[in-house]
Amino acid sequence: APLRPSLKLYSCRPTIAMNNTMNEDDLYGDLNLAAAKPVPRKQTASTPASTLPSRPDISKLQEQIKRLEAENEALKKNMGILYRTAKSELERKDRRIDELQNDLDARR
């Protein structure tokens, strides 16, 4: 089934830099996301429904599916890491606020 003409697909290539020079304050310095740009696609509105894709087209689509699945897994992994990092940072800050509040209450 052809895609709707108004649907825009975006490409994003996540990479993780493997360096040990990361600053302690820079939690996300190892994440590098390339700018998202529209993926070009052919117009299929004039193609009859009875026409089947050729073997090379099927192979290209299978390769694209594998590439997109790998990209999807990388994005899920990065999103999970980001979520867990943000959650632990919020917990750390909540503990610090509690400590400061207890110090303030003790001085009163």
PDB file of N, CA and C in Angstrom:
ATOM      1  N   ALA A   1       0.847  -1.187   0.000  1.00  0.00           N
ATOM      2  CA  ALA A   1       0.000   0.000   0.000  1.00  0.00           C
ATOM      3  C   ALA A   1       0.884   1.239   0.000  1.00  0.00           C
ATOM      4  N   PRO A   2       0.605   2.188  -0.880  1.00  0.00           N
ATOM      5  CA  PRO A   2       1.448   3.389  -0.932  1.00  0.00           C
ATOM      6  C   PRO A   2       1.225   4.262   0.297  1.00  0.00           C
ATOM      7  N   LEU A   3       2.255   5.013   0.637  1.00  0.00           N
ATOM      8  CA  LEU A   3       2.163   5.937   1.762  1.00  0.00           C
ATOM      9  C   LEU A   3       1.313   7.135   1.380  1.00  0.00           C
ATOM     10  N   ARG A   4       0.691   7.730   2.371  1.00  0.00           N
ATOM     11  CA  ARG A   4      -0.063   8.946   2.114  1.00  0.00           C
ATOM     12  C   ARG A   4       0.907  10.029   1.670  1.00  0.00           C
ATOM     13  N   PRO A   5       0.542  10.878   0.698  1.00  0.00           N
ATOM     14  CA  PRO A   5       1.452  11.929   0.234  1.00  0.00           C
ATOM     15  C   PRO A   5       1.846  12.919   1.328  1.00  0.00           C
ATOM     16  N   SER A   6       1.003  13.109   2.351  1.00  0.00           N
ATOM     17  CA  SER A   6       1.309  14.090   3.389  1.00  0.00           C
ATOM     18  C   SER A   6       2.271  13.534   4.444  1.00  0.00           C
ATOM     19  N   LEU A   7       2.510  12.217   4.427  1.00  0.00           N
ATOM     20  CA  LEU A   7       3.372  11.594   5.422  1.00  0.00           C
ATOM     21  C   LEU A   7       4.828  11.855   5.086  1.00  0.00           C
ATOM     22  N   LYS A   8       5.583  12.436   6.027  1.00  0.00           N
ATOM     23  CA  LYS A   8       7.006  12.700   5.835  1.00  0.00           C
ATOM     24  C   LYS A   8       7.801  11.756   6.715  1.00  0.00           C
ATOM     25  N   LEU A   9       8.764  11.096   6.136  1.00  0.00           N
ATOM     26  CA  LEU A   9       9.640  10.213   6.880  1.00  0.00           C
ATOM     27  C   LEU A   9      10.940  10.934   7.162  1.00  0.00           C
ATOM     28  N   TYR A  10      11.492  10.735   8.343  1.00  0.00           N
ATOM     29  CA  TYR A  10      12.731  11.398   8.713  1.00  0.00           C
ATOM     30  C   TYR A  10      13.797  10.366   9.031  1.00  0.00           C
ATOM     31  N   SER A  11      15.001  10.708   8.690  1.00  0.00           N
ATOM     32  CA  SER A  11      16.128   9.836   8.945  1.00  0.00           C
ATOM     33  C   SER A  11      16.965  10.422  10.071  1.00  0.00           C
ATOM     34  N   CYS A  12      17.318   9.591  11.020  1.00  0.00           N
ATOM     35  CA  CYS A  12      18.144  10.035  12.142  1.00  0.00           C
ATOM     36  C   CYS A  12      19.118   8.915  12.447  1.00  0.00           C
ATOM     37  N   ARG A  13      20.405   9.204  12.429  1.00  0.00           N
ATOM     38  CA  ARG A  13      21.429   8.195  12.653  1.00  0.00           C
ATOM     39  C   ARG A  13      22.073   8.404  14.021  1.00  0.00           C
ATOM     40  N   PRO A  14      21.652   7.638  15.050  1.00  0.00           N
ATOM     41  CA  PRO A  14      22.272   7.796  16.357  1.00  0.00           C
ATOM     42  C   PRO A  14      23.626   7.105  16.402  1.00  0.00           C
ATOM     43  N   THR A  15      24.569   7.746  17.034  1.00  0.00           N
ATOM     44  CA  THR A  15      25.874   7.130  17.239  1.00  0.00           C
ATOM     45  C   THR A  15      26.313   7.435  18.656  1.00  0.00           C
ATOM     46  N   ILE A  16      27.105   6.560  19.192  1.00  0.00           N
ATOM     47  CA  ILE A  16      27.635   6.770  20.531  1.00  0.00           C
ATOM     48  C   ILE A  16      29.152   6.824  20.408  1.00  0.00           C
ATOM     49  N   ALA A  17      29.718   7.945  20.819  1.00  0.00           N
ATOM     50  CA  ALA A  17      31.169   8.104  20.768  1.00  0.00           C
ATOM     51  C   ALA A  17      31.790   7.339  21.925  1.00  0.00           C
ATOM     52  N   MET A  18      32.835   6.630  21.645  1.00  0.00           N
ATOM     53  CA  MET A  18      33.492   5.837  22.674  1.00  0.00           C
ATOM     54  C   MET A  18      34.781   6.529  23.110  1.00  0.00           C
ATOM     55  N   ASN A  19      34.643   7.573  23.909  1.00  0.00           N
ATOM     56  CA  ASN A  19      35.840   8.220  24.430  1.00  0.00           C
ATOM     57  C   ASN A  19      35.708   8.346  25.936  1.00  0.00           C
ATOM     58  N   ASN A  20      36.815   8.378  26.600  1.00  0.00           N
ATOM     59  CA  ASN A  20      36.815   8.441  28.055  1.00  0.00           C
ATOM     60  C   ASN A  20      37.073   9.853  28.555  1.00  0.00           C
ATOM     61  N   THR A  21      36.931  10.841  27.691  1.00  0.00           N
ATOM     62  CA  THR A  21      37.205  12.218  28.086  1.00  0.00           C
ATOM     63  C   THR A  21      35.934  12.960  28.455  1.00  0.00           C
ATOM     64  N   MET A  22      34.857  12.236  28.698  1.00  0.00           N
ATOM     65  CA  MET A  22      33.564  12.845  28.992  1.00  0.00           C
ATOM     66  C   MET A  22      33.611  13.591  30.315  1.00  0.00           C
ATOM     67  N   ASN A  23      33.154  14.809  30.308  1.00  0.00           N
ATOM     68  CA  ASN A  23      33.083  15.634  31.504  1.00  0.00           C
ATOM     69  C   ASN A  23      31.991  15.075  32.412  1.00  0.00           C
ATOM     70  N   GLU A  24      32.206  15.063  33.705  1.00  0.00           N
ATOM     71  CA  GLU A  24      31.232  14.505  34.641  1.00  0.00           C
ATOM     72  C   GLU A  24      29.910  15.255  34.588  1.00  0.00           C
ATOM     73  N   ASP A  25      29.935  16.564  34.310  1.00  0.00           N
ATOM     74  CA  ASP A  25      28.713  17.355  34.244  1.00  0.00           C
ATOM     75  C   ASP A  25      27.983  17.175  32.923  1.00  0.00           C
ATOM     76  N   ASP A  26      28.643  16.625  31.928  1.00  0.00           N
ATOM     77  CA  ASP A  26      28.051  16.464  30.599  1.00  0.00           C
ATOM     78  C   ASP A  26      27.503  15.046  30.466  1.00  0.00           C
ATOM     79  N   LEU A  27      26.253  14.845  30.929  1.00  0.00           N
ATOM     80  CA  LEU A  27      25.663  13.514  30.959  1.00  0.00           C
ATOM     81  C   LEU A  27      25.403  12.938  29.581  1.00  0.00           C
ATOM     82  N   TYR A  28      25.150  13.781  28.593  1.00  0.00           N
ATOM     83  CA  TYR A  28      24.746  13.297  27.284  1.00  0.00           C
ATOM     84  C   TYR A  28      25.799  13.594  26.218  1.00  0.00           C
ATOM     85  N   GLY A  29      27.021  13.847  26.613  1.00  0.00           N
ATOM     86  CA  GLY A  29      28.081  14.177  25.676  1.00  0.00           C
ATOM     87  C   GLY A  29      28.416  13.037  24.738  1.00  0.00           C
ATOM     88  N   ASP A  30      28.087  11.800  25.122  1.00  0.00           N
ATOM     89  CA  ASP A  30      28.416  10.669  24.263  1.00  0.00           C
ATOM     90  C   ASP A  30      27.335  10.377  23.221  1.00  0.00           C
ATOM     91  N   LEU A  31      26.204  11.064  23.299  1.00  0.00           N
ATOM     92  CA  LEU A  31      25.155  10.875  22.296  1.00  0.00           C
ATOM     93  C   LEU A  31      25.317  11.891  21.185  1.00  0.00           C
ATOM     94  N   ASN A  32      25.260  11.429  19.970  1.00  0.00           N
ATOM     95  CA  ASN A  32      25.398  12.303  18.817  1.00  0.00           C
ATOM     96  C   ASN A  32      24.310  11.933  17.822  1.00  0.00           C
ATOM     97  N   LEU A  33      23.315  12.783  17.671  1.00  0.00           N
ATOM     98  CA  LEU A  33      22.241  12.516  16.722  1.00  0.00           C
ATOM     99  C   LEU A  33      22.393  13.443  15.533  1.00  0.00           C
ATOM    100  N   ALA A  34      22.467  12.840  14.358  1.00  0.00           N
ATOM    101  CA  ALA A  34      22.558  13.641  13.138  1.00  0.00           C
ATOM    102  C   ALA A  34      21.222  14.346  12.929  1.00  0.00           C
ATOM    103  N   ALA A  35      21.265  15.491  12.245  1.00  0.00           N
ATOM    104  CA  ALA A  35      20.034  16.259  11.994  1.00  0.00           C
ATOM    105  C   ALA A  35      19.068  15.418  11.169  1.00  0.00           C
ATOM    106  N   ALA A  36      17.803  15.470  11.537  1.00  0.00           N
ATOM    107  CA  ALA A  36      16.782  14.721  10.811  1.00  0.00           C
ATOM    108  C   ALA A  36      16.458  15.433   9.512  1.00  0.00           C
ATOM    109  N   LYS A  37      16.417  14.656   8.432  1.00  0.00           N
ATOM    110  CA  LYS A  37      16.077  15.224   7.129  1.00  0.00           C
ATOM    111  C   LYS A  37      15.070  14.313   6.443  1.00  0.00           C
ATOM    112  N   PRO A  38      14.188  14.888   5.627  1.00  0.00           N
ATOM    113  CA  PRO A  38      13.201  14.055   4.947  1.00  0.00           C
ATOM    114  C   PRO A  38      13.871  13.017   4.060  1.00  0.00           C
ATOM    115  N   VAL A  39      13.324  11.797   4.077  1.00  0.00           N
ATOM    116  CA  VAL A  39      13.829  10.732   3.224  1.00  0.00           C
ATOM    117  C   VAL A  39      13.097  10.819   1.897  1.00  0.00           C
ATOM    118  N   PRO A  40      13.839  10.921   0.767  1.00  0.00           N
ATOM    119  CA  PRO A  40      13.158  11.016  -0.520  1.00  0.00           C
ATOM    120  C   PRO A  40      12.468   9.696  -0.854  1.00  0.00           C
ATOM    121  N   ARG A  41      11.326   9.774  -1.500  1.00  0.00           N
ATOM    122  CA  ARG A  41      10.618   8.574  -1.935  1.00  0.00           C
ATOM    123  C   ARG A  41       9.947   8.832  -3.264  1.00  0.00           C
ATOM    124  N   LYS A  42       9.721   7.769  -3.998  1.00  0.00           N
ATOM    125  CA  LYS A  42       9.108   7.884  -5.320  1.00  0.00           C
ATOM    126  C   LYS A  42       7.597   7.992  -5.171  1.00  0.00           C
ATOM    127  N   GLN A  43       6.987   8.722  -6.070  1.00  0.00           N
ATOM    128  CA  GLN A  43       5.529   8.817  -6.093  1.00  0.00           C
ATOM    129  C   GLN A  43       4.970   7.530  -6.682  1.00  0.00           C
ATOM    130  N   THR A  44       4.008   6.905  -6.012  1.00  0.00           N
ATOM    131  CA  THR A  44       3.439   5.641  -6.484  1.00  0.00           C
ATOM    132  C   THR A  44       1.966   5.782  -6.853  1.00  0.00           C
ATOM    133  N   ALA A  45       1.475   6.996  -6.916  1.00  0.00           N
ATOM    134  CA  ALA A  45       0.044   7.196  -7.191  1.00  0.00           C
ATOM    135  C   ALA A  45      -0.337   6.693  -8.580  1.00  0.00           C
ATOM    136  N   SER A  46       0.562   6.762  -9.567  1.00  0.00           N
ATOM    137  CA  SER A  46       0.224   6.355 -10.931  1.00  0.00           C
ATOM    138  C   SER A  46       0.484   4.871 -11.182  1.00  0.00           C
ATOM    139  N   THR A  47       1.051   4.145 -10.218  1.00  0.00           N
ATOM    140  CA  THR A  47       1.346   2.730 -10.394  1.00  0.00           C
ATOM    141  C   THR A  47       0.082   1.911 -10.196  1.00  0.00           C
ATOM    142  N   PRO A  48      -0.242   1.044 -11.167  1.00  0.00           N
ATOM    143  CA  PRO A  48      -1.443   0.208 -11.009  1.00  0.00           C
ATOM    144  C   PRO A  48      -1.270  -0.784  -9.857  1.00  0.00           C
ATOM    145  N   ALA A  49      -2.381  -1.113  -9.211  1.00  0.00           N
ATOM    146  CA  ALA A  49      -2.347  -1.999  -8.046  1.00  0.00           C
ATOM    147  C   ALA A  49      -1.913  -3.408  -8.428  1.00  0.00           C
ATOM    148  N   SER A  50      -2.094  -3.826  -9.682  1.00  0.00           N
ATOM    149  CA  SER A  50      -1.752  -5.183 -10.105  1.00  0.00           C
ATOM    150  C   SER A  50      -0.257  -5.358 -10.351  1.00  0.00           C
ATOM    151  N   THR A  51       0.506  -4.290 -10.401  1.00  0.00           N
ATOM    152  CA  THR A  51       1.942  -4.396 -10.651  1.00  0.00           C
ATOM    153  C   THR A  51       2.656  -4.797  -9.369  1.00  0.00           C
ATOM    154  N   LEU A  52       3.427  -5.883  -9.454  1.00  0.00           N
ATOM    155  CA  LEU A  52       4.181  -6.351  -8.304  1.00  0.00           C
ATOM    156  C   LEU A  52       5.598  -5.800  -8.378  1.00  0.00           C
ATOM    157  N   PRO A  53       6.229  -5.552  -7.223  1.00  0.00           N
ATOM    158  CA  PRO A  53       7.607  -5.051  -7.247  1.00  0.00           C
ATOM    159  C   PRO A  53       8.562  -6.121  -7.777  1.00  0.00           C
ATOM    160  N   SER A  54       9.619  -5.691  -8.423  1.00  0.00           N
ATOM    161  CA  SER A  54      10.610  -6.618  -8.971  1.00  0.00           C
ATOM    162  C   SER A  54      11.487  -7.162  -7.850  1.00  0.00           C
ATOM    163  N   ARG A  55      12.240  -8.214  -8.146  1.00  0.00           N
ATOM    164  CA  ARG A  55      13.135  -8.804  -7.139  1.00  0.00           C
ATOM    165  C   ARG A  55      14.154  -7.805  -6.605  1.00  0.00           C
ATOM    166  N   PRO A  56      14.791  -6.988  -7.461  1.00  0.00           N
ATOM    167  CA  PRO A  56      15.725  -6.000  -6.905  1.00  0.00           C
ATOM    168  C   PRO A  56      15.029  -5.014  -5.963  1.00  0.00           C
ATOM    169  N   ASP A  57      13.795  -4.630  -6.300  1.00  0.00           N
ATOM    170  CA  ASP A  57      13.042  -3.730  -5.426  1.00  0.00           C
ATOM    171  C   ASP A  57      12.747  -4.400  -4.088  1.00  0.00           C
ATOM    172  N   ILE A  58      12.397  -5.673  -4.136  1.00  0.00           N
ATOM    173  CA  ILE A  58      12.112  -6.414  -2.904  1.00  0.00           C
ATOM    174  C   ILE A  58      13.373  -6.503  -2.055  1.00  0.00           C
ATOM    175  N   SER A  59      14.506  -6.765  -2.691  1.00  0.00           N
ATOM    176  CA  SER A  59      15.778  -6.847  -1.963  1.00  0.00           C
ATOM    177  C   SER A  59      16.116  -5.510  -1.310  1.00  0.00           C
ATOM    178  N   LYS A  60      15.912  -4.431  -2.048  1.00  0.00           N
ATOM    179  CA  LYS A  60      16.180  -3.100  -1.499  1.00  0.00           C
ATOM    180  C   LYS A  60      15.278  -2.820  -0.307  1.00  0.00           C
ATOM    181  N   LEU A  61      14.007  -3.201  -0.428  1.00  0.00           N
ATOM    182  CA  LEU A  61      13.066  -2.990   0.671  1.00  0.00           C
ATOM    183  C   LEU A  61      13.439  -3.830   1.891  1.00  0.00           C
ATOM    184  N   GLN A  62      13.887  -5.064   1.653  1.00  0.00           N
ATOM    185  CA  GLN A  62      14.304  -5.914   2.771  1.00  0.00           C
ATOM    186  C   GLN A  62      15.526  -5.327   3.468  1.00  0.00           C
ATOM    187  N   GLU A  63      16.470  -4.797   2.698  1.00  0.00           N
ATOM    188  CA  GLU A  63      17.643  -4.138   3.283  1.00  0.00           C
ATOM    189  C   GLU A  63      17.227  -2.909   4.080  1.00  0.00           C
ATOM    190  N   GLN A  64      16.277  -2.138   3.530  1.00  0.00           N
ATOM    191  CA  GLN A  64      15.809  -0.948   4.233  1.00  0.00           C
ATOM    192  C   GLN A  64      15.113  -1.343   5.540  1.00  0.00           C
ATOM    193  N   ILE A  65      14.349  -2.421   5.517  1.00  0.00           N
ATOM    194  CA  ILE A  65      13.672  -2.897   6.725  1.00  0.00           C
ATOM    195  C   ILE A  65      14.709  -3.271   7.788  1.00  0.00           C
ATOM    196  N   LYS A  66      15.751  -4.007   7.393  1.00  0.00           N
ATOM    197  CA  LYS A  66      16.797  -4.398   8.344  1.00  0.00           C
ATOM    198  C   LYS A  66      17.485  -3.164   8.928  1.00  0.00           C
ATOM    199  N   ARG A  67      17.780  -2.187   8.051  1.00  0.00           N
ATOM    200  CA  ARG A  67      18.440  -0.962   8.500  1.00  0.00           C
ATOM    201  C   ARG A  67      17.541  -0.189   9.474  1.00  0.00           C
ATOM    202  N   LEU A  68      16.252  -0.094   9.152  1.00  0.00           N
ATOM    203  CA  LEU A  68      15.316   0.624  10.018  1.00  0.00           C
ATOM    204  C   LEU A  68      15.099  -0.102  11.348  1.00  0.00           C
ATOM    205  N   GLU A  69      15.093  -1.432  11.321  1.00  0.00           N
ATOM    206  CA  GLU A  69      14.955  -2.183  12.566  1.00  0.00           C
ATOM    207  C   GLU A  69      16.158  -1.947  13.472  1.00  0.00           C
ATOM    208  N   ALA A  70      17.362  -1.938  12.884  1.00  0.00           N
ATOM    209  CA  ALA A  70      18.570  -1.675  13.672  1.00  0.00           C
ATOM    210  C   ALA A  70      18.545  -0.256  14.230  1.00  0.00           C
ATOM    211  N   GLU A  71      18.112   0.692  13.406  1.00  0.00           N
ATOM    212  CA  GLU A  71      18.014   2.083  13.858  1.00  0.00           C
ATOM    213  C   GLU A  71      16.989   2.214  14.975  1.00  0.00           C
ATOM    214  N   ASN A  72      15.872   1.526  14.837  1.00  0.00           N
ATOM    215  CA  ASN A  72      14.820   1.547  15.849  1.00  0.00           C
ATOM    216  C   ASN A  72      15.346   1.000  17.180  1.00  0.00           C
ATOM    217  N   GLU A  73      16.091  -0.098  17.132  1.00  0.00           N
ATOM    218  CA  GLU A  73      16.660  -0.669  18.347  1.00  0.00           C
ATOM    219  C   GLU A  73      17.635   0.305  19.008  1.00  0.00           C
ATOM    220  N   ALA A  74      18.474   0.964  18.197  1.00  0.00           N
ATOM    221  CA  ALA A  74      19.424   1.931  18.747  1.00  0.00           C
ATOM    222  C   ALA A  74      18.685   3.097  19.399  1.00  0.00           C
ATOM    223  N   LEU A  75      17.613   3.564  18.764  1.00  0.00           N
ATOM    224  CA  LEU A  75      16.839   4.669  19.338  1.00  0.00           C
ATOM    225  C   LEU A  75      16.152   4.257  20.630  1.00  0.00           C
ATOM    226  N   LYS A  76      15.620   3.040  20.662  1.00  0.00           N
ATOM    227  CA  LYS A  76      14.995   2.550  21.894  1.00  0.00           C
ATOM    228  C   LYS A  76      16.014   2.477  23.018  1.00  0.00           C
ATOM    229  N   LYS A  77      17.204   1.983  22.699  1.00  0.00           N
ATOM    230  CA  LYS A  77      18.262   1.871  23.704  1.00  0.00           C
ATOM    231  C   LYS A  77      18.654   3.255  24.216  1.00  0.00           C
ATOM    232  N   ASN A  78      18.873   4.204  23.285  1.00  0.00           N
ATOM    233  CA  ASN A  78      19.248   5.562  23.688  1.00  0.00           C
ATOM    234  C   ASN A  78      18.157   6.223  24.514  1.00  0.00           C
ATOM    235  N   MET A  79      16.895   6.000  24.137  1.00  0.00           N
ATOM    236  CA  MET A  79      15.789   6.596  24.872  1.00  0.00           C
ATOM    237  C   MET A  79      15.709   6.006  26.282  1.00  0.00           C
ATOM    238  N   GLY A  80      15.954   4.703  26.412  1.00  0.00           N
ATOM    239  CA  GLY A  80      15.953   4.072  27.726  1.00  0.00           C
ATOM    240  C   GLY A  80      17.065   4.610  28.605  1.00  0.00           C
ATOM    241  N   ILE A  81      18.244   4.773  28.015  1.00  0.00           N
ATOM    242  CA  ILE A  81      19.379   5.326  28.765  1.00  0.00           C
ATOM    243  C   ILE A  81      19.058   6.743  29.217  1.00  0.00           C
ATOM    244  N   LEU A  82      18.510   7.534  28.309  1.00  0.00           N
ATOM    245  CA  LEU A  82      18.159   8.915  28.631  1.00  0.00           C
ATOM    246  C   LEU A  82      17.125   8.971  29.754  1.00  0.00           C
ATOM    247  N   TYR A  83      16.105   8.112  29.685  1.00  0.00           N
ATOM    248  CA  TYR A  83      15.064   8.079  30.713  1.00  0.00           C
ATOM    249  C   TYR A  83      15.654   7.709  32.080  1.00  0.00           C
ATOM    250  N   ARG A  84      16.462   6.639  32.106  1.00  0.00           N
ATOM    251  CA  ARG A  84      17.036   6.201  33.382  1.00  0.00           C
ATOM    252  C   ARG A  84      17.971   7.259  33.964  1.00  0.00           C
ATOM    253  N   THR A  85      18.733   7.931  33.098  1.00  0.00           N
ATOM    254  CA  THR A  85      19.623   8.990  33.568  1.00  0.00           C
ATOM    255  C   THR A  85      18.821  10.146  34.151  1.00  0.00           C
ATOM    256  N   ALA A  86      17.776  10.569  33.453  1.00  0.00           N
ATOM    257  CA  ALA A  86      16.946  11.679  33.942  1.00  0.00           C
ATOM    258  C   ALA A  86      16.273  11.302  35.259  1.00  0.00           C
ATOM    259  N   LYS A  87      15.797  10.071  35.345  1.00  0.00           N
ATOM    260  CA  LYS A  87      15.138   9.621  36.573  1.00  0.00           C
ATOM    261  C   LYS A  87      16.112   9.629  37.750  1.00  0.00           C
ATOM    262  N   SER A  88      17.322   9.127  37.525  1.00  0.00           N
ATOM    263  CA  SER A  88      18.296   9.106  38.628  1.00  0.00           C
ATOM    264  C   SER A  88      18.730  10.521  39.003  1.00  0.00           C
ATOM    265  N   GLU A  89      18.826  11.414  38.029  1.00  0.00           N
ATOM    266  CA  GLU A  89      19.166  12.807  38.333  1.00  0.00           C
ATOM    267  C   GLU A  89      18.077  13.465  39.166  1.00  0.00           C
ATOM    268  N   LEU A  90      16.824  13.216  38.830  1.00  0.00           N
ATOM    269  CA  LEU A  90      15.717  13.769  39.627  1.00  0.00           C
ATOM    270  C   LEU A  90      15.743  13.223  41.047  1.00  0.00           C
ATOM    271  N   GLU A  91      16.002  11.928  41.187  1.00  0.00           N
ATOM    272  CA  GLU A  91      16.087  11.340  42.525  1.00  0.00           C
ATOM    273  C   GLU A  91      17.243  11.947  43.305  1.00  0.00           C
ATOM    274  N   ARG A  92      18.390  12.137  42.668  1.00  0.00           N
ATOM    275  CA  ARG A  92      19.548  12.728  43.327  1.00  0.00           C
ATOM    276  C   ARG A  92      19.229  14.152  43.779  1.00  0.00           C
ATOM    277  N   LYS A  93      18.583  14.915  42.910  1.00  0.00           N
ATOM    278  CA  LYS A  93      18.240  16.300  43.267  1.00  0.00           C
ATOM    279  C   LYS A  93      17.188  16.337  44.376  1.00  0.00           C
ATOM    280  N   ASP A  94      16.228  15.426  44.365  1.00  0.00           N
ATOM    281  CA  ASP A  94      15.237  15.356  45.436  1.00  0.00           C
ATOM    282  C   ASP A  94      15.911  15.055  46.774  1.00  0.00           C
ATOM    283  N   ARG A  95      16.882  14.118  46.771  1.00  0.00           N
ATOM    284  CA  ARG A  95      17.615  13.818  48.007  1.00  0.00           C
ATOM    285  C   ARG A  95      18.380  15.049  48.490  1.00  0.00           C
ATOM    286  N   ARG A  96      18.994  15.772  47.573  1.00  0.00           N
ATOM    287  CA  ARG A  96      19.759  16.978  47.942  1.00  0.00           C
ATOM    288  C   ARG A  96      18.836  18.049  48.515  1.00  0.00           C
ATOM    289  N   ILE A  97      17.670  18.208  47.909  1.00  0.00           N
ATOM    290  CA  ILE A  97      16.691  19.184  48.427  1.00  0.00           C
ATOM    291  C   ILE A  97      16.267  18.793  49.838  1.00  0.00           C
ATOM    292  N   ASP A  98      16.006  17.492  50.050  1.00  0.00           N
ATOM    293  CA  ASP A  98      15.633  17.025  51.387  1.00  0.00           C
ATOM    294  C   ASP A  98      16.743  17.305  52.397  1.00  0.00           C
ATOM    295  N   GLU A  99      18.014  17.045  52.005  1.00  0.00           N
ATOM    296  CA  GLU A  99      19.145  17.316  52.893  1.00  0.00           C
ATOM    297  C   GLU A  99      19.210  18.799  53.254  1.00  0.00           C
ATOM    298  N   LEU A 100      19.078  19.651  52.257  1.00  0.00           N
ATOM    299  CA  LEU A 100      19.144  21.093  52.506  1.00  0.00           C
ATOM    300  C   LEU A 100      17.992  21.557  53.381  1.00  0.00           C
ATOM    301  N   GLN A 101      16.799  20.990  53.153  1.00  0.00           N
ATOM    302  CA  GLN A 101      15.638  21.351  53.960  1.00  0.00           C
ATOM    303  C   GLN A 101      15.842  20.914  55.406  1.00  0.00           C
ATOM    304  N   ASN A 102      16.397  19.713  55.602  1.00  0.00           N
ATOM    305  CA  ASN A 102      16.675  19.237  56.965  1.00  0.00           C
ATOM    306  C   ASN A 102      17.712  20.112  57.652  1.00  0.00           C
ATOM    307  N   ASP A 103      18.742  20.517  56.917  1.00  0.00           N
ATOM    308  CA  ASP A 103      19.751  21.436  57.484  1.00  0.00           C
ATOM    309  C   ASP A 103      19.118  22.744  57.895  1.00  0.00           C
ATOM    310  N   LEU A 104      18.258  23.263  57.053  1.00  0.00           N
ATOM    311  CA  LEU A 104      17.593  24.532  57.335  1.00  0.00           C
ATOM    312  C   LEU A 104      16.684  24.408  58.559  1.00  0.00           C
ATOM    313  N   ASP A 105      15.923  23.299  58.631  1.00  0.00           N
ATOM    314  CA  ASP A 105      15.050  23.072  59.780  1.00  0.00           C
ATOM    315  C   ASP A 105      15.845  22.916  61.074  1.00  0.00           C
ATOM    316  N   ALA A 106      17.018  22.283  61.000  1.00  0.00           N
ATOM    317  CA  ALA A 106      17.850  22.083  62.185  1.00  0.00           C
ATOM    318  C   ALA A 106      18.407  23.400  62.700  1.00  0.00           C
ATOM    319  N   ARG A 107      18.596  24.371  61.835  1.00  0.00           N
ATOM    320  CA  ARG A 107      19.148  25.666  62.251  1.00  0.00           C
ATOM    321  C   ARG A 107      18.088  26.582  62.831  1.00  0.00           C
ATOM    322  N   ARG A 108      16.857  26.283  62.671  1.00  0.00           N
ATOM    323  CA  ARG A 108      15.783  27.147  63.181  1.00  0.00           C
ATOM    324  C   ARG A 108      15.494  26.923  64.616  1.00  0.00           C
TER     325      ARG A 108
END
